[in-house]
């Protein structure tokens, strides 16, 4: 399953090699992200909710998934969302060689390009693993590695109210929120968006957060 909770983290400098966990915090904005290597049955509902609320998101897509579901991959892009690279077959990046990591990234790059014509430049490593080998490989391939500062842990499929609470209680300026396409996430997303808007947050793509880091 994708993602595990990072209980302590330090915001890195906005360089290509260091992973980014959040934006600068200067603006009251937040990026909603979805790691997608399964759960295709829930993606249309997530897209519908995002469109209804005029909210952009960033989808990190697995290469094998993009090959299996090219129409959904295209729909994500056509709806105006940002598309990132989540590796091809969802291995543990810290457990494979640099050449294998590069193959995972490049195969996914090709699969996404073939599906929707987008050249990915953001990389979310499976399981949030961030050893030197995967970070250096991503950097050499021209990618910025993206992690998160708010983990919904929705892959465990808790009640929707639990997912909402995790976001609302931990959100902060520049937060990157990690989610996945699950049934409880589908039910939680409308309330998450509503609560964030109520608190005055603007929901933006990850690339917008990165632009803020470049100006620091």
Foldseek 3Di string as FASTA:
>chain_A
DFADDDPDDDADALDQLDAGAFFPQPAQAEAEEAEEPDQPVQLVLVLVLCLVVVFEHEYAYALCVCQVCLVSLQVNVVSPHHYAHAFHPQDQVVVDALVNLLVRRVSSQVSSCVSHNDRHAEYEYGHNDRDNSNSVSSVVVNHRYYDWDQELPCVVPDALVSSLCSCLVRDGRGGYYYDYNDPSCSVNVNVNVVSSVVVPYGYDYVVVSSVNSVVD
